[in-house]
Protein backbone atom coordinates (compact mmCIF):
# COMPACT_ATOMS: atom_id res chain seq x y z
CA MET A 1 86.46 -93.40 -134.41
CA ARG A 2 85.50 -95.72 -131.60
CA TYR A 3 85.73 -93.06 -128.86
CA THR A 4 82.33 -91.54 -129.70
CA TRP A 5 82.09 -90.01 -126.20
CA LEU A 6 85.23 -87.86 -126.64
CA ASP A 7 83.67 -84.55 -127.74
CA GLU A 8 81.01 -84.54 -125.03
CA TYR A 9 83.54 -85.61 -122.40
CA LEU A 10 85.99 -82.82 -123.20
CA LEU A 11 83.38 -80.09 -123.55
CA ALA A 12 81.99 -80.98 -120.11
CA LYS A 13 85.26 -79.86 -118.51
CA THR A 14 85.36 -76.43 -116.88
CA GLY A 15 86.22 -73.60 -119.28
CA VAL A 16 86.86 -75.74 -122.37
CA THR A 17 86.39 -74.26 -125.82
CA LYS A 18 86.51 -76.04 -129.15
CA ASP A 19 87.41 -74.84 -132.62
CA HIS A 20 88.41 -76.20 -136.02
CA LYS A 21 91.86 -75.15 -137.25
CA LYS A 22 91.22 -75.35 -141.00
CA GLU A 23 94.89 -75.11 -142.01
CA TRP A 24 95.66 -78.30 -140.08
CA ASN A 25 92.19 -79.88 -140.24
CA TRP A 26 92.28 -80.36 -136.47
CA ILE A 27 89.46 -80.05 -133.97
CA ARG A 28 91.17 -78.37 -131.02
CA TYR A 29 90.08 -78.38 -127.38
CA GLN A 30 91.47 -75.51 -125.35
CA ILE A 31 91.51 -74.15 -121.82
CA GLY A 32 92.44 -70.50 -121.39
CA GLY A 33 93.37 -70.28 -125.06
CA LYS A 34 95.87 -73.16 -124.79
CA MET A 35 95.31 -76.47 -126.55
CA PHE A 36 95.24 -79.57 -124.36
CA ALA A 37 93.74 -82.04 -126.84
CA ALA A 38 93.02 -82.30 -130.55
CA VAL A 39 91.37 -84.67 -132.97
CA CYS A 40 93.47 -84.70 -136.13
CA LEU A 41 91.41 -85.30 -139.26
CA ASN A 42 92.49 -86.72 -142.60
CA GLU A 43 91.44 -85.55 -146.08
CA GLN A 44 88.10 -87.37 -145.68
CA ASN A 45 87.50 -85.57 -142.35
CA GLU A 46 87.88 -88.83 -140.44
CA ALA A 47 89.82 -88.92 -137.18
CA CYS A 48 93.36 -90.21 -137.67
CA TYR A 49 94.86 -89.26 -134.27
CA ILE A 50 93.86 -87.89 -130.88
CA ASN A 51 96.64 -85.66 -129.57
CA LEU A 52 97.11 -84.96 -125.88
CA LYS A 53 99.81 -83.64 -123.57
CA LEU A 54 101.48 -85.72 -120.85
CA GLU A 55 104.48 -85.51 -118.58
CA PRO A 56 107.41 -86.73 -120.75
CA GLU A 57 108.16 -89.79 -118.58
CA GLU A 58 104.56 -90.96 -118.58
CA GLY A 59 104.20 -90.50 -122.33
CA ALA A 60 107.40 -92.43 -123.00
CA PHE A 61 106.26 -95.25 -120.70
CA LEU A 62 102.81 -95.52 -122.27
CA ARG A 63 104.33 -95.72 -125.75
CA THR A 64 106.13 -98.87 -124.65
CA GLN A 65 102.89 -100.37 -123.26
CA TYR A 66 100.44 -99.58 -126.09
CA GLU A 67 101.19 -99.79 -129.78
CA ASP A 68 98.30 -97.36 -130.37
CA ILE A 69 100.04 -94.57 -128.42
CA ILE A 70 102.79 -92.92 -130.44
CA PRO A 71 104.83 -89.69 -130.30
CA GLY A 72 102.69 -86.63 -131.01
CA TYR A 73 101.58 -86.25 -134.62
CA TYR A 74 102.88 -82.89 -135.90
CA SER A 75 103.63 -81.92 -132.30
CA ASN A 76 106.51 -81.71 -129.83
CA LYS A 77 107.22 -85.41 -129.39
CA VAL A 78 108.54 -84.99 -125.85
CA HIS A 79 105.33 -83.54 -124.43
CA TRP A 80 102.63 -84.61 -126.90
CA ASN A 81 101.31 -88.08 -127.65
CA SER A 82 98.92 -89.38 -130.26
CA VAL A 83 96.35 -92.09 -129.70
CA LYS A 84 95.02 -93.98 -132.69
CA PRO A 85 91.25 -93.39 -132.72
CA ASP A 86 90.36 -96.95 -133.69
CA GLY A 87 93.00 -98.63 -131.57
CA ALA A 88 92.96 -100.74 -128.45
CA VAL A 89 93.59 -98.09 -125.76
CA PRO A 90 90.86 -98.69 -123.14
CA ASP A 91 88.27 -95.93 -122.76
CA ASP A 92 89.04 -95.48 -119.07
CA LEU A 93 92.74 -95.02 -119.80
CA LEU A 94 92.07 -92.49 -122.55
CA LYS A 95 89.75 -90.54 -120.23
CA ASP A 96 92.49 -90.53 -117.58
CA LEU A 97 95.07 -89.29 -120.11
CA LEU A 98 92.73 -86.55 -121.32
CA ASP A 99 92.14 -85.51 -117.70
CA LYS A 100 95.90 -85.34 -117.13
CA SER A 101 96.40 -83.29 -120.29
CA TYR A 102 93.70 -80.84 -119.18
CA GLN A 103 95.26 -80.52 -115.72
CA LEU A 104 98.77 -80.02 -117.14
CA VAL A 105 97.68 -77.19 -119.42
CA PHE A 106 95.35 -75.64 -116.82
CA GLY A 107 98.18 -75.77 -114.27
CA GLY A 108 100.46 -73.94 -116.71
CA LEU A 109 98.12 -70.97 -116.93
CA SER A 110 98.68 -67.95 -114.74
CA LYS A 111 96.94 -67.99 -111.35
CA LYS A 112 94.87 -65.02 -112.55
CA LYS A 113 93.73 -66.90 -115.67
CA GLN A 114 92.93 -70.00 -113.59
CA ARG A 115 90.78 -67.91 -111.25
CA GLU A 116 88.95 -66.29 -114.16
CA ILE A 117 88.12 -69.69 -115.64
CA LEU A 118 86.92 -71.10 -112.33
CA GLU A 119 84.87 -67.98 -111.50
CA THR A 120 83.21 -67.98 -114.91
CA ALA A 121 82.29 -71.65 -114.53
CA GLY A 122 81.06 -71.32 -110.96
């Protein structure tokens, strides 16, 4: 995977936890118990996709602009998108998309849960 910075970048975000879902062989990044990004691994434990959540219109648009952004792998294809880990999506764009995914999921949490996360981090 060419995005070697991904794990450190995601874990630096406020309140993010990481686990490995063995049944799917996915490394999941969560905020408030909700997944906002995942690295999907193949049988050799190599990254085959990076899944992230976007507003449906933005995801659909980006799929027309980048051949390495496709509908979400084993995910709701309206809200989730997959980025090929060895593709040509620029690092800055992927960071922006990961930020948006984090904000979307964080924004969907209850106000109480958001406060708890921010207070714990502060």
